[in-house]
Amino acid sequence: MRLSEVRSIEQKIKNDLLLCKPKKYKRQNAVDFVEKYDSDTRLNVMTLVKAMKNTIKKYDNEEDRIKRLIECEKNYSKGYKIVAGIDEVGRGPLAGPVMTCAVVLPSDYSIHYVNDSKKLSAKQREELAEVLKEDAISYSIGLCDNNEIDDINILNATYLAMKKAIEGLSIEPDLVLVDALTIPDIRMDQVGIVHGDAKTFSIGAASIIAKVERDHLMEELDSKYPEYGFRNNKGYGTHEHIEALKEFGPCPIHRKTFISNFFK
């Protein structure tokens, strides 16, 4: 086999293993590739085999990490049939809403790379969010805009947005797993888990969907208020954003209670 053909096969297998939904047979393809060419003494082929071994190791490490997330979630959800994960994004920005997502996934559902959304690239989040929304039994977005945040403060607005997300589900959960917080006045059981988006599968999934949905909204708002760079900063207080605030003043989606110090 020509080296170009070997490289083509190697790249295809690597691409397969990097998909959100890797299959066991794709891993076996990679193992077969290594076994077939492991004794090849051509330098370029040896380099490719080494790269494939690293790819298989990364795949296996990710498989183990996802299993730990699922096992952790099972420990919290014993005795419950319908479990929702919920997380928020956007508590810290100077502009835009706080957004939450509640998601109910099928029992024993698994997909690679689910994690705290901040640990993923934008491309990974986009791909994962699309698959998670398609596969979910139900998911719902809840938000509170900047006016609600100014009226009731960011913590209460976050609670309210979470309640909206739960109420928007097409199926009522028996248990809600929440990233760090305890939501007041909800009728179902709940568990607040510190760093829950990195420890449990459902909260991690919710964090990804919430992040992608809010990013899309802020990108849309950028076309309406282009001076502030919302497409890039998503409303957070970057240097460029603060300088734009000082030059142009606030726009209708800025949180007055968050920006008052910039105008003293």
C-alpha atoms as a PDB file:
ATOM      1  CA  MET A   1       0.000   0.000   0.000  1.00  0.00           C
ATOM      2  CA  ARG A   2       1.285   3.456  -0.833  1.00  0.00           C
ATOM      3  CA  LEU A   3       2.076   5.888   1.952  1.00  0.00           C
ATOM      4  CA  SER A   4      -0.564   8.290   0.658  1.00  0.00           C
ATOM      5  CA  GLU A   5      -3.186   5.562   1.006  1.00  0.00           C
ATOM      6  CA  VAL A   6      -2.044   4.777   4.559  1.00  0.00           C
ATOM      7  CA  ARG A   7      -2.269   8.484   5.456  1.00  0.00           C
ATOM      8  CA  SER A   8      -5.753   8.705   3.953  1.00  0.00           C
ATOM      9  CA  ILE A   9      -6.962   5.742   6.040  1.00  0.00           C
ATOM     10  CA  GLU A  10      -5.323   7.178   9.158  1.00  0.00           C
ATOM     11  CA  GLN A  11      -7.030  10.549   8.716  1.00  0.00           C
ATOM     12  CA  LYS A  12     -10.442   8.948   8.163  1.00  0.00           C
ATOM     13  CA  ILE A  13     -10.135   6.890  11.337  1.00  0.00           C
ATOM     14  CA  LYS A  14      -8.999   9.922  13.346  1.00  0.00           C
ATOM     15  CA  ASN A  15     -11.957  11.914  12.042  1.00  0.00           C
ATOM     16  CA  ASP A  16     -14.311   9.071  12.984  1.00  0.00           C
ATOM     17  CA  LEU A  17     -12.965   8.978  16.521  1.00  0.00           C
ATOM     18  CA  LEU A  18     -13.335  12.730  16.940  1.00  0.00           C
ATOM     19  CA  LEU A  19     -17.047  12.699  16.166  1.00  0.00           C
ATOM     20  CA  CYS A  20     -19.475  13.321  19.005  1.00  0.00           C
ATOM     21  CA  LYS A  21     -20.899   9.818  18.726  1.00  0.00           C
ATOM     22  CA  PRO A  22     -17.912   7.526  18.277  1.00  0.00           C
ATOM     23  CA  LYS A  23     -18.797   3.874  17.735  1.00  0.00           C
ATOM     24  CA  LYS A  24     -16.923   0.893  19.070  1.00  0.00           C
ATOM     25  CA  TYR A  25     -16.258  -0.407  15.564  1.00  0.00           C
ATOM     26  CA  LYS A  26     -14.523   2.872  14.683  1.00  0.00           C
ATOM     27  CA  ARG A  27     -12.142   2.345  17.592  1.00  0.00           C
ATOM     28  CA  GLN A  28     -11.566  -1.186  16.337  1.00  0.00           C
ATOM     29  CA  ASN A  29     -10.709   0.236  12.907  1.00  0.00           C
ATOM     30  CA  ALA A  30      -8.021   2.302  14.599  1.00  0.00           C
ATOM     31  CA  VAL A  31      -6.705  -0.721  16.482  1.00  0.00           C
ATOM     32  CA  ASP A  32      -6.659  -2.735  13.267  1.00  0.00           C
ATOM     33  CA  PHE A  33      -4.705   0.069  11.577  1.00  0.00           C
ATOM     34  CA  VAL A  34      -2.058   0.013  14.323  1.00  0.00           C
ATOM     35  CA  GLU A  35      -1.795  -3.790  14.327  1.00  0.00           C
ATOM     36  CA  LYS A  36      -1.419  -3.878  10.551  1.00  0.00           C
ATOM     37  CA  TYR A  37       1.336  -1.259  10.307  1.00  0.00           C
ATOM     38  CA  ASP A  38       3.025  -1.472  13.719  1.00  0.00           C
ATOM     39  CA  SER A  39       5.964  -3.416  12.332  1.00  0.00           C
ATOM     40  CA  ASP A  40       6.365  -1.211   9.254  1.00  0.00           C
ATOM     41  CA  THR A  41       9.834   0.373   9.364  1.00  0.00           C
ATOM     42  CA  ARG A  42       9.145   3.288   7.035  1.00  0.00           C
ATOM     43  CA  LEU A  43       9.666   6.440   9.065  1.00  0.00           C
ATOM     44  CA  ASN A  44       6.494   8.167   7.911  1.00  0.00           C
ATOM     45  CA  VAL A  45       4.398   5.081   8.587  1.00  0.00           C
ATOM     46  CA  MET A  46       5.937   4.735  12.064  1.00  0.00           C
ATOM     47  CA  THR A  47       4.993   8.352  12.719  1.00  0.00           C
ATOM     48  CA  LEU A  48       1.414   7.691  11.639  1.00  0.00           C
ATOM     49  CA  VAL A  49       1.169   4.571  13.814  1.00  0.00           C
ATOM     50  CA  LYS A  50       2.389   6.555  16.818  1.00  0.00           C
ATOM     51  CA  ALA A  51      -0.203   9.249  16.130  1.00  0.00           C
ATOM     52  CA  MET A  52      -2.920   6.605  15.898  1.00  0.00           C
ATOM     53  CA  LYS A  53      -1.893   5.096  19.234  1.00  0.00           C
ATOM     54  CA  ASN A  54      -2.230   8.538  20.815  1.00  0.00           C
ATOM     55  CA  THR A  55      -5.649   8.934  19.204  1.00  0.00           C
ATOM     56  CA  ILE A  56      -6.807   5.588  20.616  1.00  0.00           C
ATOM     57  CA  LYS A  57      -5.501   6.579  24.067  1.00  0.00           C
ATOM     58  CA  LYS A  58      -7.428   9.867  23.929  1.00  0.00           C
ATOM     59  CA  TYR A  59     -10.553   7.987  22.871  1.00  0.00           C
ATOM     60  CA  ASP A  60     -10.219   5.540  25.768  1.00  0.00           C
ATOM     61  CA  ASN A  61      -9.550   8.328  28.273  1.00  0.00           C
ATOM     62  CA  GLU A  62     -12.666  10.154  27.087  1.00  0.00           C
ATOM     63  CA  GLU A  63     -14.711   6.969  27.300  1.00  0.00           C
ATOM     64  CA  ASP A  64     -13.591   6.524  30.921  1.00  0.00           C
ATOM     65  CA  ARG A  65     -14.353  10.158  31.781  1.00  0.00           C
ATOM     66  CA  ILE A  66     -17.879   9.938  30.379  1.00  0.00           C
ATOM     67  CA  LYS A  67     -18.479   6.714  32.317  1.00  0.00           C
ATOM     68  CA  ARG A  68     -17.489   8.539  35.519  1.00  0.00           C
ATOM     69  CA  LEU A  69     -19.954  11.345  34.763  1.00  0.00           C
ATOM     70  CA  ILE A  70     -22.762   8.879  34.176  1.00  0.00           C
ATOM     71  CA  GLU A  71     -21.901   6.869  37.294  1.00  0.00           C
ATOM     72  CA  CYS A  72     -21.809  10.035  39.406  1.00  0.00           C
ATOM     73  CA  GLU A  73     -25.233  11.018  38.102  1.00  0.00           C
ATOM     74  CA  LYS A  74     -26.624   7.573  38.854  1.00  0.00           C
ATOM     75  CA  ASN A  75     -25.427   7.884  42.446  1.00  0.00           C
ATOM     76  CA  TYR A  76     -27.404  11.101  42.846  1.00  0.00           C
ATOM     77  CA  SER A  77     -30.498   9.855  41.036  1.00  0.00           C
ATOM     78  CA  LYS A  78     -31.105   6.423  42.553  1.00  0.00           C
ATOM     79  CA  GLY A  79     -34.833   5.781  42.942  1.00  0.00           C
ATOM     80  CA  TYR A  80     -35.848   8.472  40.418  1.00  0.00           C
ATOM     81  CA  LYS A  81     -37.234   7.763  36.962  1.00  0.00           C
ATOM     82  CA  ILE A  82     -37.081  11.145  35.211  1.00  0.00           C
ATOM     83  CA  VAL A  83     -34.012  13.252  35.879  1.00  0.00           C
ATOM     84  CA  ALA A  84     -33.365  16.722  34.490  1.00  0.00           C
ATOM     85  CA  GLY A  85     -30.051  18.506  34.487  1.00  0.00           C
ATOM     86  CA  ILE A  86     -30.121  22.298  34.624  1.00  0.00           C
ATOM     87  CA  ASP A  87     -27.459  24.971  34.295  1.00  0.00           C
ATOM     88  CA  GLU A  88     -27.155  28.659  33.586  1.00  0.00           C
ATOM     89  CA  VAL A  89     -24.954  30.913  31.531  1.00  0.00           C
ATOM     90  CA  GLY A  90     -24.616  34.676  31.574  1.00  0.00           C
ATOM     91  CA  ARG A  91     -24.653  35.672  35.234  1.00  0.00           C
ATOM     92  CA  GLY A  92     -21.563  37.839  34.862  1.00  0.00           C
ATOM     93  CA  PRO A  93     -21.977  39.862  31.644  1.00  0.00           C
ATOM     94  CA  LEU A  94     -22.740  43.572  31.532  1.00  0.00           C
ATOM     95  CA  ALA A  95     -25.399  43.057  28.880  1.00  0.00           C
ATOM     96  CA  GLY A  96     -27.952  40.542  27.718  1.00  0.00           C
ATOM     97  CA  PRO A  97     -29.997  37.936  29.551  1.00  0.00           C
ATOM     98  CA  VAL A  98     -29.124  35.212  31.977  1.00  0.00           C
ATOM     99  CA  MET A  99     -30.097  32.001  30.217  1.00  0.00           C
ATOM    100  CA  THR A 100     -30.763  28.516  31.534  1.00  0.00           C
ATOM    101  CA  CYS A 101     -31.393  25.106  30.047  1.00  0.00           C
ATOM    102  CA  ALA A 102     -33.163  22.111  31.550  1.00  0.00           C
ATOM    103  CA  VAL A 103     -32.677  18.834  29.722  1.00  0.00           C
ATOM    104  CA  VAL A 104     -34.012  15.305  30.171  1.00  0.00           C
ATOM    105  CA  LEU A 105     -31.974  12.668  28.362  1.00  0.00           C
ATOM    106  CA  PRO A 106     -32.746   9.001  27.741  1.00  0.00           C
ATOM    107  CA  SER A 107     -31.683   6.532  30.410  1.00  0.00           C
ATOM    108  CA  ASP A 108     -28.061   5.386  29.945  1.00  0.00           C
ATOM    109  CA  TYR A 109     -27.576   7.935  27.146  1.00  0.00           C
ATOM    110  CA  SER A 110     -23.924   8.531  26.325  1.00  0.00           C
ATOM    111  CA  ILE A 111     -22.033  10.861  24.055  1.00  0.00           C
ATOM    112  CA  HIS A 112     -18.391  11.858  24.135  1.00  0.00           C
ATOM    113  CA  TYR A 113     -17.058  15.298  25.129  1.00  0.00           C
ATOM    114  CA  VAL A 114     -19.984  16.421  27.309  1.00  0.00           C
ATOM    115  CA  ASN A 115     -18.389  18.664  29.912  1.00  0.00           C
ATOM    116  CA  ASP A 116     -18.495  22.113  31.456  1.00  0.00           C
ATOM    117  CA  SER A 117     -19.165  24.239  28.371  1.00  0.00           C
ATOM    118  CA  LYS A 118     -16.245  26.535  29.229  1.00  0.00           C
ATOM    119  CA  LYS A 119     -13.850  23.634  28.695  1.00  0.00           C
ATOM    120  CA  LEU A 120     -14.979  23.124  25.100  1.00  0.00           C
ATOM    121  CA  SER A 121     -14.272  25.013  21.913  1.00  0.00           C
ATOM    122  CA  ALA A 122     -17.097  26.877  20.177  1.00  0.00           C
ATOM    123  CA  LYS A 123     -17.053  24.272  17.408  1.00  0.00           C
ATOM    124  CA  GLN A 124     -17.358  21.413  19.901  1.00  0.00           C
ATOM    125  CA  ARG A 125     -20.222  23.149  21.701  1.00  0.00           C
ATOM    126  CA  GLU A 126     -22.100  23.755  18.461  1.00  0.00           C
ATOM    127  CA  GLU A 127     -21.803  20.153  17.336  1.00  0.00           C
ATOM    128  CA  LEU A 128     -22.701  18.743  20.734  1.00  0.00           C
ATOM    129  CA  ALA A 129     -25.662  21.067  21.265  1.00  0.00           C
ATOM    130  CA  GLU A 130     -27.176  20.015  17.943  1.00  0.00           C
ATOM    131  CA  VAL A 131     -26.899  16.317  18.779  1.00  0.00           C
ATOM    132  CA  LEU A 132     -28.062  16.729  22.396  1.00  0.00           C
ATOM    133  CA  LYS A 133     -31.165  18.666  21.394  1.00  0.00           C
ATOM    134  CA  GLU A 134     -32.012  16.071  18.769  1.00  0.00           C
ATOM    135  CA  ASP A 135     -31.565  13.138  21.162  1.00  0.00           C
ATOM    136  CA  ALA A 136     -33.113  14.647  24.308  1.00  0.00           C
ATOM    137  CA  ILE A 137     -36.473  13.444  25.559  1.00  0.00           C
ATOM    138  CA  SER A 138     -37.115  17.100  26.277  1.00  0.00           C
ATOM    139  CA  TYR A 139     -35.148  20.297  26.696  1.00  0.00           C
ATOM    140  CA  SER A 140     -36.251  23.815  27.503  1.00  0.00           C
ATOM    141  CA  ILE A 141     -34.660  27.250  27.605  1.00  0.00           C
ATOM    142  CA  GLY A 142     -35.493  29.807  30.268  1.00  0.00           C
ATOM    143  CA  LEU A 143     -34.188  33.347  30.413  1.00  0.00           C
ATOM    144  CA  CYS A 144     -34.513  36.607  32.261  1.00  0.00           C
ATOM    145  CA  ASP A 145     -33.603  39.763  30.389  1.00  0.00           C
ATOM    146  CA  ASN A 146     -31.557  42.686  31.629  1.00  0.00           C
ATOM    147  CA  ASN A 147     -34.616  44.527  32.940  1.00  0.00           C
ATOM    148  CA  GLU A 148     -35.642  41.581  35.106  1.00  0.00           C
ATOM    149  CA  ILE A 149     -32.050  41.274  36.328  1.00  0.00           C
ATOM    150  CA  ASP A 150     -32.045  44.943  37.325  1.00  0.00           C
ATOM    151  CA  ASP A 151     -35.422  44.587  39.039  1.00  0.00           C
ATOM    152  CA  ILE A 152     -34.829  41.474  41.159  1.00  0.00           C
ATOM    153  CA  ASN A 153     -30.991  41.036  41.088  1.00  0.00           C
ATOM    154  CA  ILE A 154     -28.959  38.466  39.210  1.00  0.00           C
ATOM    155  CA  LEU A 155     -29.352  35.591  41.679  1.00  0.00           C
ATOM    156  CA  ASN A 156     -33.132  35.817  41.799  1.00  0.00           C
ATOM    157  CA  ALA A 157     -33.226  36.261  38.031  1.00  0.00           C
ATOM    158  CA  THR A 158     -31.181  33.071  37.685  1.00  0.00           C
ATOM    159  CA  TYR A 159     -33.620  31.197  39.919  1.00  0.00           C
ATOM    160  CA  LEU A 160     -36.548  32.523  37.888  1.00  0.00           C
ATOM    161  CA  ALA A 161     -34.930  31.559  34.595  1.00  0.00           C
ATOM    162  CA  MET A 162     -34.322  28.054  35.934  1.00  0.00           C
ATOM    163  CA  LYS A 163     -37.956  27.749  36.962  1.00  0.00           C
ATOM    164  CA  LYS A 164     -39.016  28.859  33.477  1.00  0.00           C
ATOM    165  CA  ALA A 165     -36.789  26.188  31.941  1.00  0.00           C
ATOM    166  CA  ILE A 166     -38.216  23.457  34.174  1.00  0.00           C
ATOM    167  CA  GLU A 167     -41.780  24.551  33.467  1.00  0.00           C
ATOM    168  CA  GLY A 168     -41.070  24.481  29.741  1.00  0.00           C
ATOM    169  CA  LEU A 169     -40.168  20.792  29.695  1.00  0.00           C
ATOM    170  CA  SER A 170     -42.685  18.546  27.988  1.00  0.00           C
ATOM    171  CA  ILE A 171     -42.221  15.966  30.755  1.00  0.00           C
ATOM    172  CA  GLU A 172     -42.038  16.760  34.472  1.00  0.00           C
ATOM    173  CA  PRO A 173     -38.881  15.471  36.143  1.00  0.00           C
ATOM    174  CA  ASP A 174     -38.865  13.639  39.470  1.00  0.00           C
ATOM    175  CA  LEU A 175     -35.444  15.050  40.249  1.00  0.00           C
ATOM    176  CA  VAL A 176     -33.543  18.116  39.122  1.00  0.00           C
ATOM    177  CA  LEU A 177     -29.748  18.167  39.237  1.00  0.00           C
ATOM    178  CA  VAL A 178     -28.536  21.766  39.463  1.00  0.00           C
ATOM    179  CA  ASP A 179     -25.081  23.229  39.024  1.00  0.00           C
ATOM    180  CA  ALA A 180     -24.156  24.555  42.487  1.00  0.00           C
ATOM    181  CA  LEU A 181     -27.479  26.261  43.288  1.00  0.00           C
ATOM    182  CA  THR A 182     -30.630  25.275  45.168  1.00  0.00           C
ATOM    183  CA  ILE A 183     -33.712  26.611  43.385  1.00  0.00           C
ATOM    184  CA  PRO A 184     -36.322  27.940  45.815  1.00  0.00           C
ATOM    185  CA  ASP A 185     -39.983  26.921  45.637  1.00  0.00           C
ATOM    186  CA  ILE A 186     -39.987  24.079  43.115  1.00  0.00           C
ATOM    187  CA  ARG A 187     -42.180  21.058  43.723  1.00  0.00           C
ATOM    188  CA  MET A 188     -39.787  18.314  42.637  1.00  0.00           C
ATOM    189  CA  ASP A 189     -36.706  17.086  44.482  1.00  0.00           C
ATOM    190  CA  GLN A 190     -33.397  18.663  43.609  1.00  0.00           C
ATOM    191  CA  VAL A 191     -29.692  18.297  44.280  1.00  0.00           C
ATOM    192  CA  GLY A 192     -27.263  21.183  43.945  1.00  0.00           C
ATOM    193  CA  ILE A 193     -23.831  19.927  42.897  1.00  0.00           C
ATOM    194  CA  VAL A 194     -20.772  22.175  43.008  1.00  0.00           C
ATOM    195  CA  HIS A 195     -19.048  21.999  39.612  1.00  0.00           C
ATOM    196  CA  GLY A 196     -21.939  19.799  38.541  1.00  0.00           C
ATOM    197  CA  ASP A 197     -21.409  20.623  34.863  1.00  0.00           C
ATOM    198  CA  ALA A 198     -18.043  18.836  35.034  1.00  0.00           C
ATOM    199  CA  LYS A 199     -19.213  16.017  37.325  1.00  0.00           C
ATOM    200  CA  THR A 200     -22.577  14.868  35.960  1.00  0.00           C
ATOM    201  CA  PHE A 201     -23.699  14.172  32.438  1.00  0.00           C
ATOM    202  CA  SER A 202     -27.077  15.940  32.407  1.00  0.00           C
ATOM    203  CA  ILE A 203     -25.814  19.186  33.934  1.00  0.00           C
ATOM    204  CA  GLY A 204     -22.909  19.201  31.486  1.00  0.00           C
ATOM    205  CA  ALA A 205     -25.351  18.725  28.608  1.00  0.00           C
ATOM    206  CA  ALA A 206     -27.525  21.566  29.911  1.00  0.00           C
ATOM    207  CA  SER A 207     -24.522  23.874  30.196  1.00  0.00           C
ATOM    208  CA  ILE A 208     -23.593  23.252  26.557  1.00  0.00           C
ATOM    209  CA  ILE A 209     -27.076  23.903  25.190  1.00  0.00           C
ATOM    210  CA  ALA A 210     -27.513  27.029  27.335  1.00  0.00           C
ATOM    211  CA  LYS A 211     -24.146  28.418  26.242  1.00  0.00           C
ATOM    212  CA  VAL A 212     -24.808  27.858  22.543  1.00  0.00           C
ATOM    213  CA  GLU A 213     -28.311  29.348  22.723  1.00  0.00           C
ATOM    214  CA  ARG A 214     -27.102  32.462  24.549  1.00  0.00           C
ATOM    215  CA  ASP A 215     -24.148  32.906  22.203  1.00  0.00           C
ATOM    216  CA  HIS A 216     -26.505  32.786  19.220  1.00  0.00           C
ATOM    217  CA  LEU A 217     -28.754  35.390  20.814  1.00  0.00           C
ATOM    218  CA  MET A 218     -25.859  37.745  21.538  1.00  0.00           C
ATOM    219  CA  GLU A 219     -24.624  37.348  17.964  1.00  0.00           C
ATOM    220  CA  GLU A 220     -28.067  38.380  16.724  1.00  0.00           C
ATOM    221  CA  LEU A 221     -28.062  41.374  19.077  1.00  0.00           C
ATOM    222  CA  ASP A 222     -24.646  42.378  17.747  1.00  0.00           C
ATOM    223  CA  SER A 223     -26.242  43.263  14.418  1.00  0.00           C
ATOM    224  CA  LYS A 224     -28.665  45.533  16.264  1.00  0.00           C
ATOM    225  CA  TYR A 225     -26.057  47.143  18.526  1.00  0.00           C
ATOM    226  CA  PRO A 226     -22.763  46.742  16.619  1.00  0.00           C
ATOM    227  CA  GLU A 227     -20.827  49.332  18.625  1.00  0.00           C
ATOM    228  CA  TYR A 228     -20.281  47.015  21.598  1.00  0.00           C
ATOM    229  CA  GLY A 229     -18.837  43.899  19.948  1.00  0.00           C
ATOM    230  CA  PHE A 230     -21.435  41.504  21.353  1.00  0.00           C
ATOM    231  CA  ARG A 231     -20.594  38.922  18.683  1.00  0.00           C
ATOM    232  CA  ASN A 232     -17.173  38.481  20.247  1.00  0.00           C
ATOM    233  CA  ASN A 233     -17.601  39.399  23.918  1.00  0.00           C
ATOM    234  CA  LYS A 234     -21.143  38.004  24.386  1.00  0.00           C
ATOM    235  CA  GLY A 235     -21.855  40.909  26.726  1.00  0.00           C
ATOM    236  CA  TYR A 236     -18.938  40.311  29.075  1.00  0.00           C
ATOM    237  CA  GLY A 237     -16.876  43.217  30.317  1.00  0.00           C
ATOM    238  CA  THR A 238     -13.914  43.120  27.988  1.00  0.00           C
ATOM    239  CA  HIS A 239     -11.715  46.188  27.615  1.00  0.00           C
ATOM    240  CA  GLU A 240     -13.206  46.935  24.203  1.00  0.00           C
ATOM    241  CA  HIS A 241     -16.730  46.600  25.538  1.00  0.00           C
ATOM    242  CA  ILE A 242     -16.077  48.945  28.457  1.00  0.00           C
ATOM    243  CA  GLU A 243     -14.441  51.500  26.181  1.00  0.00           C
ATOM    244  CA  ALA A 244     -17.478  51.341  23.876  1.00  0.00           C
ATOM    245  CA  LEU A 245     -19.754  51.875  26.877  1.00  0.00           C
ATOM    246  CA  LYS A 246     -17.827  54.995  27.825  1.00  0.00           C
ATOM    247  CA  GLU A 247     -17.936  56.299  24.260  1.00  0.00           C
ATOM    248  CA  PHE A 248     -21.520  55.473  23.277  1.00  0.00           C
ATOM    249  CA  GLY A 249     -23.257  54.993  26.603  1.00  0.00           C
ATOM    250  CA  PRO A 250     -25.449  51.975  27.371  1.00  0.00           C
ATOM    251  CA  CYS A 251     -27.837  50.387  24.914  1.00  0.00           C
ATOM    252  CA  PRO A 252     -31.255  48.915  25.797  1.00  0.00           C
ATOM    253  CA  ILE A 253     -29.871  45.482  26.691  1.00  0.00           C
ATOM    254  CA  HIS A 254     -27.243  46.668  29.178  1.00  0.00           C
ATOM    255  CA  ARG A 255     -27.775  45.838  32.849  1.00  0.00           C
ATOM    256  CA  LYS A 256     -27.950  49.171  34.633  1.00  0.00           C
ATOM    257  CA  THR A 257     -27.029  47.648  37.977  1.00  0.00           C
ATOM    258  CA  PHE A 258     -23.879  46.164  36.440  1.00  0.00           C
ATOM    259  CA  ILE A 259     -22.538  49.239  34.654  1.00  0.00           C
ATOM    260  CA  SER A 260     -23.225  52.074  37.098  1.00  0.00           C
ATOM    261  CA  ASN A 261     -19.580  52.168  38.259  1.00  0.00           C
ATOM    262  CA  PHE A 262     -18.423  53.055  34.744  1.00  0.00           C
ATOM    263  CA  PHE A 263     -20.296  56.364  34.789  1.00  0.00           C
ATOM    264  CA  LYS A 264     -19.317  57.852  38.143  1.00  0.00           C
END
